[in-house]
């Protein structure tokens, strides 16, 4: 069974949560399976390592759960992307489209700058 199949089989669908028409993907079962979590991190590490990335950005709050261990495995900085109301200091606004988020970031000290696709 592939890692994708394992993940798909364990995620729970919760219809109409938090409101009608939304299909919530509950990742709690993944977080409760430490072996699967380790497998996911290792698989992502293998896929991402050749890209020579400079950092991992995680979108609050699910992105923190996988992003930090992945950044640690890749030995790169972890960048927290918080909801606008969670900002503690002045930060750039980052436009996000949930479900198909694609962020191309280049990290220089504490400043995030978008980079163009090559």
Protein backbone atom coordinates (compact mmCIF):
# COMPACT_ATOMS: atom_id res chain seq x y z
CA UNK A 1 0.00 0.00 0.00
CA UNK A 2 1.37 3.42 -0.94
CA UNK A 3 1.72 6.24 1.56
CA UNK A 4 -1.06 8.08 -0.29
CA UNK A 5 -3.38 5.07 0.10
CA UNK A 6 -2.55 4.81 3.81
CA UNK A 7 -3.30 8.49 4.38
CA UNK A 8 -6.56 8.39 2.38
CA UNK A 9 -7.73 5.29 4.25
CA UNK A 10 -7.20 6.80 7.72
CA UNK A 11 -8.52 10.37 7.23
CA UNK A 12 -12.14 10.75 8.34
CA UNK A 13 -14.65 12.78 6.35
CA UNK A 14 -17.06 14.84 8.45
CA UNK A 15 -19.80 16.29 6.22
CA UNK A 16 -21.37 19.68 6.89
CA UNK A 17 -18.73 20.77 9.39
CA UNK A 18 -18.20 23.51 10.43
CA UNK A 19 -21.17 24.54 8.29
CA UNK A 20 -23.46 22.95 5.69
CA UNK A 21 -21.74 22.15 2.40
CA UNK A 22 -18.24 21.81 3.89
CA UNK A 23 -16.54 18.40 3.97
CA UNK A 24 -14.10 18.54 6.88
CA UNK A 25 -11.07 16.23 6.66
CA UNK A 26 -10.25 15.01 10.17
CA UNK A 27 -6.53 14.20 10.42
CA UNK A 28 -6.71 13.18 14.09
CA UNK A 29 -6.23 9.48 13.24
CA UNK A 30 -2.96 10.33 11.47
CA UNK A 31 -1.70 12.21 14.53
CA UNK A 32 -2.51 9.18 16.70
CA UNK A 33 -0.41 6.84 14.53
CA UNK A 34 3.22 7.74 15.23
CA UNK A 35 4.53 5.19 12.70
CA UNK A 36 2.40 6.66 9.92
CA UNK A 37 3.46 10.19 10.92
CA UNK A 38 7.11 9.16 10.68
CA UNK A 39 6.44 7.53 7.30
CA UNK A 40 4.75 10.69 6.00
CA UNK A 41 7.66 12.88 7.10
CA UNK A 42 10.22 10.51 5.54
CA UNK A 43 8.26 10.32 2.27
CA UNK A 44 7.96 14.11 2.07
CA UNK A 45 11.64 14.51 2.94
CA UNK A 46 12.65 12.21 0.06
CA UNK A 47 10.41 14.10 -2.37
CA UNK A 48 11.45 17.60 -1.27
CA UNK A 49 15.20 17.16 -0.55
CA UNK A 50 16.26 17.40 -4.24
CA UNK A 51 14.55 20.80 -4.51
CA UNK A 52 17.19 22.40 -2.23
CA UNK A 53 14.58 24.50 -0.46
CA UNK A 54 15.52 27.20 2.03
CA UNK A 55 12.60 26.75 4.41
CA UNK A 56 9.24 25.14 5.08
CA UNK A 57 6.15 27.32 5.56
CA UNK A 58 3.24 25.90 7.55
CA UNK A 59 -0.23 27.41 7.48
CA UNK A 60 -2.00 27.57 10.86
CA UNK A 61 -2.74 25.19 12.38
CA UNK A 62 -2.56 21.88 10.50
CA UNK A 63 0.47 23.08 8.61
CA UNK A 64 2.32 23.38 11.90
CA UNK A 65 1.76 19.70 12.70
CA UNK A 66 3.58 18.39 9.62
CA UNK A 67 5.64 21.46 8.72
CA UNK A 68 7.82 21.62 11.82
CA UNK A 69 8.90 17.96 11.85
CA UNK A 70 9.50 18.15 8.09
CA UNK A 71 11.63 21.29 8.46
CA UNK A 72 13.60 19.55 11.20
CA UNK A 73 14.12 16.47 8.99
CA UNK A 74 15.32 18.69 6.14
CA UNK A 75 17.38 20.87 8.51
CA UNK A 76 15.80 24.11 7.27
CA UNK A 77 13.95 26.92 9.07
CA UNK A 78 10.23 26.60 9.77
CA UNK A 79 8.08 29.63 8.92
CA UNK A 80 4.74 29.95 10.72
CA UNK A 81 1.97 31.43 8.60
CA UNK A 82 -0.80 32.58 10.90
CA UNK A 83 -4.34 33.74 10.37
CA UNK A 84 -4.54 37.50 10.08
CA UNK A 85 -6.15 37.86 13.52
CA UNK A 86 -3.29 35.83 15.06
CA UNK A 87 -0.51 38.21 14.01
CA UNK A 88 1.58 39.26 16.97
CA UNK A 89 3.89 41.55 14.98
CA UNK A 90 3.61 43.40 11.66
CA UNK A 91 3.82 40.87 8.85
CA UNK A 92 3.16 40.71 5.13
CA UNK A 93 -0.31 39.60 4.05
CA UNK A 94 -0.13 36.32 2.18
CA UNK A 95 -3.03 35.46 -0.12
CA UNK A 96 -4.12 31.88 0.44
CA UNK A 97 -6.53 29.64 -1.40
CA UNK A 98 -7.44 26.77 0.90
CA UNK A 99 -7.45 23.24 -0.55
CA UNK A 100 -4.95 24.11 -3.30
CA UNK A 101 -2.41 26.26 -1.52
CA UNK A 102 0.80 26.78 -3.40
CA UNK A 103 3.31 29.06 -1.80
CA UNK A 104 6.67 29.81 -3.31
CA UNK A 105 8.67 31.56 -0.64
CA UNK A 106 12.24 32.60 -0.26
CA UNK A 107 13.37 33.22 3.29
CA UNK A 108 15.88 35.96 4.11
CA UNK A 109 16.29 36.43 7.85
CA UNK A 110 12.75 37.20 9.06
CA UNK A 111 11.41 38.67 5.83
CA UNK A 112 9.31 36.56 3.46
CA UNK A 113 9.34 37.43 -0.22
CA UNK A 114 7.41 35.62 -2.98
CA UNK A 115 9.60 34.10 -5.70
CA UNK A 116 8.57 33.47 -9.28
CA UNK A 117 8.29 29.98 -10.73
CA UNK A 118 11.28 28.89 -12.78
